Amino acid sequence: MHSAGKKVDEESLKKVMSAASIEVNEAKIKALISSLENVNIDEAIKTSIAVVPAAQAQASGPKPEEKKEKKKDDTKSEEEAASGLAALFG
């Protein structure tokens, strides 16, 4: 609503929720509107955009368990290569 230039208030939010076939919870709407009362929405959006890519990068990295499995596979390959070289030399 904010990015569309519409005022973020209880009535507007109720209309959006109703249009999306979402059950309107009066208490939650009032709590949301009151929590946004002294918030600069543009500044909050800029701040949250800077934080989101860092969080996504951390979430998309390999899990520690996957790293351990790769190390085990790499170790086997190195051992096989070393034994193959040893056979060549002697």
PDB file of N, CA and C in Angstrom:
ATOM      1  N   MET A   1       0.820  -1.176   0.000  1.00  0.00           N
ATOM      2  CA  MET A   1       0.000   0.000   0.000  1.00  0.00           C
ATOM      3  C   MET A   1       0.871   1.249   0.000  1.00  0.00           C
ATOM      4  N   HIS A   2       1.921   1.200   0.789  1.00  0.00           N
ATOM      5  CA  HIS A   2       2.807   2.360   0.881  1.00  0.00           C
ATOM      6  C   HIS A   2       3.461   2.654  -0.463  1.00  0.00           C
ATOM      7  N   SER A   3       3.973   1.635  -1.117  1.00  0.00           N
ATOM      8  CA  SER A   3       4.654   1.847  -2.395  1.00  0.00           C
ATOM      9  C   SER A   3       3.681   2.295  -3.487  1.00  0.00           C
ATOM     10  N   ALA A   4       2.397   2.033  -3.307  1.00  0.00           N
ATOM     11  CA  ALA A   4       1.387   2.482  -4.261  1.00  0.00           C
ATOM     12  C   ALA A   4       0.922   3.901  -3.963  1.00  0.00           C
ATOM     13  N   GLY A   5       1.468   4.478  -2.905  1.00  0.00           N
ATOM     14  CA  GLY A   5       1.100   5.842  -2.538  1.00  0.00           C
ATOM     15  C   GLY A   5      -0.181   5.934  -1.731  1.00  0.00           C
ATOM     16  N   LYS A   6      -0.670   4.806  -1.256  1.00  0.00           N
ATOM     17  CA  LYS A   6      -1.899   4.789  -0.454  1.00  0.00           C
ATOM     18  C   LYS A   6      -1.553   4.897   1.021  1.00  0.00           C
ATOM     19  N   LYS A   7      -2.451   5.511   1.766  1.00  0.00           N
ATOM     20  CA  LYS A   7      -2.244   5.657   3.204  1.00  0.00           C
ATOM     21  C   LYS A   7      -2.424   4.294   3.877  1.00  0.00           C
ATOM     22  N   VAL A   8      -1.511   3.966   4.753  1.00  0.00           N
ATOM     23  CA  VAL A   8      -1.593   2.709   5.493  1.00  0.00           C
ATOM     24  C   VAL A   8      -2.377   2.986   6.770  1.00  0.00           C
ATOM     25  N   ASP A   9      -3.664   2.627   6.737  1.00  0.00           N
ATOM     26  CA  ASP A   9      -4.524   2.803   7.913  1.00  0.00           C
ATOM     27  C   ASP A   9      -5.429   1.581   8.038  1.00  0.00           C
ATOM     28  N   GLU A  10      -6.207   1.550   9.107  1.00  0.00           N
ATOM     29  CA  GLU A  10      -7.031   0.372   9.376  1.00  0.00           C
ATOM     30  C   GLU A  10      -8.009   0.074   8.243  1.00  0.00           C
ATOM     31  N   GLU A  11      -8.709   1.084   7.759  1.00  0.00           N
ATOM     32  CA  GLU A  11      -9.706   0.878   6.708  1.00  0.00           C
ATOM     33  C   GLU A  11      -9.072   0.332   5.434  1.00  0.00           C
ATOM     34  N   SER A  12      -7.955   0.920   5.021  1.00  0.00           N
ATOM     35  CA  SER A  12      -7.288   0.471   3.804  1.00  0.00           C
ATOM     36  C   SER A  12      -6.808  -0.967   3.940  1.00  0.00           C
ATOM     37  N   LEU A  13      -6.233  -1.284   5.084  1.00  0.00           N
ATOM     38  CA  LEU A  13      -5.729  -2.632   5.306  1.00  0.00           C
ATOM     39  C   LEU A  13      -6.868  -3.651   5.323  1.00  0.00           C
ATOM     40  N   LYS A  14      -7.993  -3.284   5.929  1.00  0.00           N
ATOM     41  CA  LYS A  14      -9.167  -4.170   5.942  1.00  0.00           C
ATOM     42  C   LYS A  14      -9.646  -4.436   4.515  1.00  0.00           C
ATOM     43  N   LYS A  15      -9.668  -3.401   3.675  1.00  0.00           N
ATOM     44  CA  LYS A  15     -10.121  -3.558   2.291  1.00  0.00           C
ATOM     45  C   LYS A  15      -9.191  -4.500   1.521  1.00  0.00           C
ATOM     46  N   VAL A  16      -7.893  -4.329   1.711  1.00  0.00           N
ATOM     47  CA  VAL A  16      -6.926  -5.193   1.020  1.00  0.00           C
ATOM     48  C   VAL A  16      -7.093  -6.636   1.472  1.00  0.00           C
ATOM     49  N   MET A  17      -7.214  -6.840   2.760  1.00  0.00           N
ATOM     50  CA  MET A  17      -7.355  -8.202   3.289  1.00  0.00           C
ATOM     51  C   MET A  17      -8.649  -8.842   2.793  1.00  0.00           C
ATOM     52  N   SER A  18      -9.733  -8.088   2.789  1.00  0.00           N
ATOM     53  CA  SER A  18     -11.011  -8.612   2.302  1.00  0.00           C
ATOM     54  C   SER A  18     -10.925  -8.946   0.819  1.00  0.00           C
ATOM     55  N   ALA A  19     -10.283  -8.100   0.040  1.00  0.00           N
ATOM     56  CA  ALA A  19     -10.140  -8.346  -1.401  1.00  0.00           C
ATOM     57  C   ALA A  19      -9.326  -9.604  -1.668  1.00  0.00           C
ATOM     58  N   ALA A  20      -8.410  -9.929  -0.766  1.00  0.00           N
ATOM     59  CA  ALA A  20      -7.580 -11.127  -0.921  1.00  0.00           C
ATOM     60  C   ALA A  20      -8.227 -12.350  -0.277  1.00  0.00           C
ATOM     61  N   SER A  21      -9.477 -12.209   0.154  1.00  0.00           N
ATOM     62  CA  SER A  21     -10.231 -13.296   0.810  1.00  0.00           C
ATOM     63  C   SER A  21      -9.550 -13.785   2.075  1.00  0.00           C
ATOM     64  N   ILE A  22      -8.948 -12.853   2.808  1.00  0.00           N
ATOM     65  CA  ILE A  22      -8.302 -13.178   4.081  1.00  0.00           C
ATOM     66  C   ILE A  22      -9.200 -12.684   5.201  1.00  0.00           C
ATOM     67  N   GLU A  23      -9.414 -13.529   6.189  1.00  0.00           N
ATOM     68  CA  GLU A  23     -10.253 -13.157   7.322  1.00  0.00           C
ATOM     69  C   GLU A  23      -9.620 -11.996   8.082  1.00  0.00           C
ATOM     70  N   VAL A  24     -10.402 -10.957   8.328  1.00  0.00           N
ATOM     71  CA  VAL A  24      -9.910  -9.753   8.992  1.00  0.00           C
ATOM     72  C   VAL A  24      -9.945  -9.969  10.496  1.00  0.00           C
ATOM     73  N   ASN A  25      -8.791  -9.789  11.140  1.00  0.00           N
ATOM     74  CA  ASN A  25      -8.695  -9.860  12.593  1.00  0.00           C
ATOM     75  C   ASN A  25      -8.471  -8.436  13.090  1.00  0.00           C
ATOM     76  N   GLU A  26      -9.513  -7.851  13.657  1.00  0.00           N
ATOM     77  CA  GLU A  26      -9.492  -6.447  14.079  1.00  0.00           C
ATOM     78  C   GLU A  26      -8.331  -6.142  15.026  1.00  0.00           C
ATOM     79  N   ALA A  27      -8.092  -7.012  15.982  1.00  0.00           N
ATOM     80  CA  ALA A  27      -7.039  -6.764  16.976  1.00  0.00           C
ATOM     81  C   ALA A  27      -5.661  -6.725  16.321  1.00  0.00           C
ATOM     82  N   LYS A  28      -5.411  -7.637  15.397  1.00  0.00           N
ATOM     83  CA  LYS A  28      -4.108  -7.674  14.728  1.00  0.00           C
ATOM     84  C   LYS A  28      -3.911  -6.461  13.820  1.00  0.00           C
ATOM     85  N   ILE A  29      -4.978  -6.038  13.169  1.00  0.00           N
ATOM     86  CA  ILE A  29      -4.883  -4.858  12.308  1.00  0.00           C
ATOM     87  C   ILE A  29      -4.577  -3.624  13.140  1.00  0.00           C
ATOM     88  N   LYS A  30      -5.278  -3.472  14.260  1.00  0.00           N
ATOM     89  CA  LYS A  30      -5.030  -2.319  15.147  1.00  0.00           C
ATOM     90  C   LYS A  30      -3.602  -2.347  15.681  1.00  0.00           C
ATOM     91  N   ALA A  31      -3.122  -3.524  16.058  1.00  0.00           N
ATOM     92  CA  ALA A  31      -1.759  -3.643  16.578  1.00  0.00           C
ATOM     93  C   ALA A  31      -0.733  -3.294  15.502  1.00  0.00           C
ATOM     94  N   LEU A  32      -0.954  -3.753  14.283  1.00  0.00           N
ATOM     95  CA  LEU A  32      -0.036  -3.451  13.187  1.00  0.00           C
ATOM     96  C   LEU A  32      -0.003  -1.956  12.890  1.00  0.00           C
ATOM     97  N   ILE A  33      -1.163  -1.350  12.779  1.00  0.00           N
ATOM     98  CA  ILE A  33      -1.235   0.078  12.468  1.00  0.00           C
ATOM     99  C   ILE A  33      -0.597   0.902  13.585  1.00  0.00           C
ATOM    100  N   SER A  34      -0.826   0.525  14.825  1.00  0.00           N
ATOM    101  CA  SER A  34      -0.219   1.288  15.921  1.00  0.00           C
ATOM    102  C   SER A  34       1.294   1.085  15.973  1.00  0.00           C
ATOM    103  N   SER A  35       1.771  -0.087  15.589  1.00  0.00           N
ATOM    104  CA  SER A  35       3.226  -0.317  15.587  1.00  0.00           C
ATOM    105  C   SER A  35       3.917   0.434  14.455  1.00  0.00           C
ATOM    106  N   LEU A  36       3.182   0.760  13.400  1.00  0.00           N
ATOM    107  CA  LEU A  36       3.746   1.508  12.271  1.00  0.00           C
ATOM    108  C   LEU A  36       3.600   3.016  12.426  1.00  0.00           C
ATOM    109  N   GLU A  37       2.971   3.446  13.499  1.00  0.00           N
ATOM    110  CA  GLU A  37       2.642   4.860  13.681  1.00  0.00           C
ATOM    111  C   GLU A  37       3.854   5.791  13.572  1.00  0.00           C
ATOM    112  N   ASN A  38       4.953   5.477  14.200  1.00  0.00           N
ATOM    113  CA  ASN A  38       6.133   6.349  14.199  1.00  0.00           C
ATOM    114  C   ASN A  38       7.281   5.786  13.362  1.00  0.00           C
ATOM    115  N   VAL A  39       6.951   4.934  12.408  1.00  0.00           N
ATOM    116  CA  VAL A  39       7.971   4.294  11.585  1.00  0.00           C
ATOM    117  C   VAL A  39       8.055   4.991  10.228  1.00  0.00           C
ATOM    118  N   ASN A  40       9.279   5.307   9.806  1.00  0.00           N
ATOM    119  CA  ASN A  40       9.505   5.824   8.469  1.00  0.00           C
ATOM    120  C   ASN A  40       9.616   4.594   7.566  1.00  0.00           C
ATOM    121  N   ILE A  41       8.565   4.299   6.835  1.00  0.00           N
ATOM    122  CA  ILE A  41       8.500   3.060   6.059  1.00  0.00           C
ATOM    123  C   ILE A  41       9.588   3.010   4.989  1.00  0.00           C
ATOM    124  N   ASP A  42       9.847   4.135   4.327  1.00  0.00           N
ATOM    125  CA  ASP A  42      10.902   4.150   3.302  1.00  0.00           C
ATOM    126  C   ASP A  42      12.253   3.772   3.893  1.00  0.00           C
ATOM    127  N   GLU A  43      12.570   4.306   5.056  1.00  0.00           N
ATOM    128  CA  GLU A  43      13.845   4.013   5.714  1.00  0.00           C
ATOM    129  C   GLU A  43      13.894   2.545   6.164  1.00  0.00           C
ATOM    130  N   ALA A  44      12.772   2.038   6.671  1.00  0.00           N
ATOM    131  CA  ALA A  44      12.710   0.638   7.103  1.00  0.00           C
ATOM    132  C   ALA A  44      12.920  -0.304   5.921  1.00  0.00           C
ATOM    133  N   ILE A  45      12.382   0.038   4.766  1.00  0.00           N
ATOM    134  CA  ILE A  45      12.545  -0.798   3.575  1.00  0.00           C
ATOM    135  C   ILE A  45      14.002  -0.797   3.134  1.00  0.00           C
ATOM    136  N   LYS A  46      14.639   0.371   3.116  1.00  0.00           N
ATOM    137  CA  LYS A  46      16.049   0.447   2.725  1.00  0.00           C
ATOM    138  C   LYS A  46      16.915  -0.389   3.647  1.00  0.00           C
ATOM    139  N   THR A  47      16.657  -0.310   4.940  1.00  0.00           N
ATOM    140  CA  THR A  47      17.432  -1.055   5.927  1.00  0.00           C
ATOM    141  C   THR A  47      17.222  -2.561   5.760  1.00  0.00           C
ATOM    142  N   SER A  48      15.986  -2.974   5.559  1.00  0.00           N
ATOM    143  CA  SER A  48      15.708  -4.407   5.454  1.00  0.00           C
ATOM    144  C   SER A  48      16.272  -4.984   4.168  1.00  0.00           C
ATOM    145  N   ILE A  49      16.314  -4.224   3.103  1.00  0.00           N
ATOM    146  CA  ILE A  49      16.873  -4.715   1.839  1.00  0.00           C
ATOM    147  C   ILE A  49      18.361  -4.985   1.988  1.00  0.00           C
ATOM    148  N   ALA A  50      19.058  -4.171   2.755  1.00  0.00           N
ATOM    149  CA  ALA A  50      20.489  -4.366   2.951  1.00  0.00           C
ATOM    150  C   ALA A  50      20.771  -5.615   3.778  1.00  0.00           C
ATOM    151  N   VAL A  51      19.871  -5.986   4.651  1.00  0.00           N
ATOM    152  CA  VAL A  51      20.068  -7.129   5.534  1.00  0.00           C
ATOM    153  C   VAL A  51      19.694  -8.439   4.849  1.00  0.00           C
ATOM    154  N   VAL A  52      18.695  -8.449   4.015  1.00  0.00           N
ATOM    155  CA  VAL A  52      18.185  -9.674   3.412  1.00  0.00           C
ATOM    156  C   VAL A  52      19.228 -10.417   2.580  1.00  0.00           C
ATOM    157  N   PRO A  53      19.991  -9.784   1.678  1.00  0.00           N
ATOM    158  CA  PRO A  53      20.966 -10.553   0.904  1.00  0.00           C
ATOM    159  C   PRO A  53      22.008 -11.267   1.768  1.00  0.00           C
ATOM    160  N   ALA A  54      22.430 -10.649   2.852  1.00  0.00           N
ATOM    161  CA  ALA A  54      23.402 -11.298   3.735  1.00  0.00           C
ATOM    162  C   ALA A  54      22.795 -12.536   4.376  1.00  0.00           C
ATOM    163  N   ALA A  55      21.545 -12.443   4.786  1.00  0.00           N
ATOM    164  CA  ALA A  55      20.879 -13.594   5.396  1.00  0.00           C
ATOM    165  C   ALA A  55      20.676 -14.702   4.373  1.00  0.00           C
ATOM    166  N   GLN A  56      20.351 -14.352   3.139  1.00  0.00           N
ATOM    167  CA  GLN A  56      20.162 -15.361   2.107  1.00  0.00           C
ATOM    168  C   GLN A  56      21.475 -16.061   1.778  1.00  0.00           C
ATOM    169  N   ALA A  57      22.564 -15.325   1.778  1.00  0.00           N
ATOM    170  CA  ALA A  57      23.869 -15.922   1.481  1.00  0.00           C
ATOM    171  C   ALA A  57      24.243 -16.952   2.536  1.00  0.00           C
ATOM    172  N   GLN A  58      23.960 -16.641   3.789  1.00  0.00           N
ATOM    173  CA  GLN A  58      24.266 -17.586   4.862  1.00  0.00           C
ATOM    174  C   GLN A  58      23.384 -18.816   4.756  1.00  0.00           C
ATOM    175  N   ALA A  59      22.120 -18.619   4.419  1.00  0.00           N
ATOM    176  CA  ALA A  59      21.185 -19.733   4.342  1.00  0.00           C
ATOM    177  C   ALA A  59      21.470 -20.644   3.164  1.00  0.00           C
ATOM    178  N   SER A  60      22.047 -20.119   2.093  1.00  0.00           N
ATOM    179  CA  SER A  60      22.255 -20.929   0.903  1.00  0.00           C
ATOM    180  C   SER A  60      23.574 -21.694   0.907  1.00  0.00           C
ATOM    181  N   GLY A  61      24.438 -21.445   1.853  1.00  0.00           N
ATOM    182  CA  GLY A  61      25.721 -22.150   1.923  1.00  0.00           C
ATOM    183  C   GLY A  61      25.533 -23.605   2.289  1.00  0.00           C
ATOM    184  N   PRO A  62      26.540 -24.444   2.030  1.00  0.00           N
ATOM    185  CA  PRO A  62      26.409 -25.864   2.361  1.00  0.00           C
ATOM    186  C   PRO A  62      26.332 -26.078   3.867  1.00  0.00           C
ATOM    187  N   LYS A  63      25.611 -27.103   4.237  1.00  0.00           N
ATOM    188  CA  LYS A  63      25.468 -27.432   5.653  1.00  0.00           C
ATOM    189  C   LYS A  63      26.763 -28.088   6.139  1.00  0.00           C
ATOM    190  N   PRO A  64      27.080 -27.970   7.432  1.00  0.00           N
ATOM    191  CA  PRO A  64      28.312 -28.583   7.949  1.00  0.00           C
ATOM    192  C   PRO A  64      28.394 -30.077   7.665  1.00  0.00           C
ATOM    193  N   GLU A  65      27.265 -30.782   7.698  1.00  0.00           N
ATOM    194  CA  GLU A  65      27.280 -32.213   7.427  1.00  0.00           C
ATOM    195  C   GLU A  65      27.732 -32.483   6.001  1.00  0.00           C
ATOM    196  N   GLU A  66      27.297 -31.646   5.058  1.00  0.00           N
ATOM    197  CA  GLU A  66      27.678 -31.830   3.665  1.00  0.00           C
ATOM    198  C   GLU A  66      29.178 -31.600   3.479  1.00  0.00           C
ATOM    199  N   LYS A  67      29.721 -30.634   4.213  1.00  0.00           N
ATOM    200  CA  LYS A  67      31.153 -30.358   4.114  1.00  0.00           C
ATOM    201  C   LYS A  67      31.960 -31.568   4.568  1.00  0.00           C
ATOM    202  N   LYS A  68      31.533 -32.215   5.662  1.00  0.00           N
ATOM    203  CA  LYS A  68      32.250 -33.370   6.181  1.00  0.00           C
ATOM    204  C   LYS A  68      32.241 -34.505   5.163  1.00  0.00           C
ATOM    205  N   GLU A  69      31.101 -34.716   4.526  1.00  0.00           N
ATOM    206  CA  GLU A  69      31.015 -35.783   3.539  1.00  0.00           C
ATOM    207  C   GLU A  69      31.940 -35.512   2.370  1.00  0.00           C
ATOM    208  N   LYS A  70      32.027 -34.275   1.924  1.00  0.00           N
ATOM    209  CA  LYS A  70      32.922 -33.942   0.825  1.00  0.00           C
ATOM    210  C   LYS A  70      34.372 -34.196   1.210  1.00  0.00           C
ATOM    211  N   LYS A  71      34.743 -33.845   2.435  1.00  0.00           N
ATOM    212  CA  LYS A  71      36.117 -34.066   2.880  1.00  0.00           C
ATOM    213  C   LYS A  71      36.455 -35.545   2.870  1.00  0.00           C
ATOM    214  N   LYS A  72      35.523 -36.385   3.283  1.00  0.00           N
ATOM    215  CA  LYS A  72      35.766 -37.824   3.283  1.00  0.00           C
ATOM    216  C   LYS A  72      35.992 -38.316   1.859  1.00  0.00           C
ATOM    217  N   ASP A  73      35.175 -37.862   0.923  1.00  0.00           N
ATOM    218  CA  ASP A  73      35.317 -38.262  -0.471  1.00  0.00           C
ATOM    219  C   ASP A  73      36.635 -37.767  -1.050  1.00  0.00           C
ATOM    220  N   ASP A  74      37.020 -36.523  -0.717  1.00  0.00           N
ATOM    221  CA  ASP A  74      38.279 -35.972  -1.196  1.00  0.00           C
ATOM    222  C   ASP A  74      39.459 -36.764  -0.655  1.00  0.00           C
ATOM    223  N   THR A  75      39.372 -37.171   0.605  1.00  0.00           N
ATOM    224  CA  THR A  75      40.446 -37.932   1.230  1.00  0.00           C
ATOM    225  C   THR A  75      40.623 -39.262   0.514  1.00  0.00           C
ATOM    226  N   LYS A  76      39.553 -39.927   0.183  1.00  0.00           N
ATOM    227  CA  LYS A  76      39.641 -41.204  -0.525  1.00  0.00           C
ATOM    228  C   LYS A  76      40.294 -41.007  -1.886  1.00  0.00           C
ATOM    229  N   SER A  77      39.924 -39.970  -2.575  1.00  0.00           N
ATOM    230  CA  SER A  77      40.493 -39.719  -3.892  1.00  0.00           C
ATOM    231  C   SER A  77      41.985 -39.455  -3.797  1.00  0.00           C
ATOM    232  N   GLU A  78      42.408 -38.701  -2.802  1.00  0.00           N
ATOM    233  CA  GLU A  78      43.827 -38.412  -2.611  1.00  0.00           C
ATOM    234  C   GLU A  78      44.597 -39.691  -2.277  1.00  0.00           C
ATOM    235  N   GLU A  79      44.014 -40.548  -1.436  1.00  0.00           N
ATOM    236  CA  GLU A  79      44.666 -41.803  -1.072  1.00  0.00           C
ATOM    237  C   GLU A  79      44.803 -42.714  -2.291  1.00  0.00           C
ATOM    238  N   GLU A  80      43.755 -42.754  -3.110  1.00  0.00           N
ATOM    239  CA  GLU A  80      43.809 -43.590  -4.309  1.00  0.00           C
ATOM    240  C   GLU A  80      44.875 -43.072  -5.272  1.00  0.00           C
ATOM    241  N   ALA A  81      44.937 -41.750  -5.393  1.00  0.00           N
ATOM    242  CA  ALA A  81      45.939 -41.158  -6.285  1.00  0.00           C
ATOM    243  C   ALA A  81      47.342 -41.439  -5.780  1.00  0.00           C
ATOM    244  N   ALA A  82      47.543 -41.331  -4.468  1.00  0.00           N
ATOM    245  CA  ALA A  82      48.863 -41.578  -3.887  1.00  0.00           C
ATOM    246  C   ALA A  82      49.265 -43.041  -4.069  1.00  0.00           C
ATOM    247  N   SER A  83      48.336 -43.965  -3.888  1.00  0.00           N
ATOM    248  CA  SER A  83      48.685 -45.370  -4.060  1.00  0.00           C
ATOM    249  C   SER A  83      48.987 -45.685  -5.519  1.00  0.00           C
ATOM    250  N   GLY A  84      48.286 -45.025  -6.417  1.00  0.00           N
ATOM    251  CA  GLY A  84      48.575 -45.209  -7.845  1.00  0.00           C
ATOM    252  C   GLY A  84      49.953 -44.705  -8.211  1.00  0.00           C
ATOM    253  N   LEU A  85      50.365 -43.574  -7.660  1.00  0.00           N
ATOM    254  CA  LEU A  85      51.697 -43.038  -7.902  1.00  0.00           C
ATOM    255  C   LEU A  85      52.772 -43.938  -7.297  1.00  0.00           C
ATOM    256  N   ALA A  86      52.505 -44.470  -6.121  1.00  0.00           N
ATOM    257  CA  ALA A  86      53.456 -45.352  -5.471  1.00  0.00           C
ATOM    258  C   ALA A  86      53.692 -46.605  -6.321  1.00  0.00           C
ATOM    259  N   ALA A  87      52.655 -47.090  -6.973  1.00  0.00           N
ATOM    260  CA  ALA A  87      52.798 -48.260  -7.830  1.00  0.00           C
ATOM    261  C   ALA A  87      53.695 -47.965  -9.028  1.00  0.00           C
ATOM    262  N   LEU A  88      53.639 -46.742  -9.524  1.00  0.00           N
ATOM    263  CA  LEU A  88      54.477 -46.382 -10.661  1.00  0.00           C
ATOM    264  C   LEU A  88      55.966 -46.341 -10.305  1.00  0.00           C
ATOM    265  N   PHE A  89      56.240 -45.875  -9.075  1.00  0.00           N
ATOM    266  CA  PHE A  89      57.627 -45.682  -8.689  1.00  0.00           C
ATOM    267  C   PHE A  89      58.166 -46.830  -7.836  1.00  0.00           C
ATOM    268  N   GLY A  90      57.380 -47.805  -7.621  1.00  0.00           N
ATOM    269  CA  GLY A  90      57.980 -48.783  -6.950  1.00  0.00           C
ATOM    270  C   GLY A  90      57.749 -49.764  -6.037  1.00  0.00           C
TER     271      GLY A  90
END
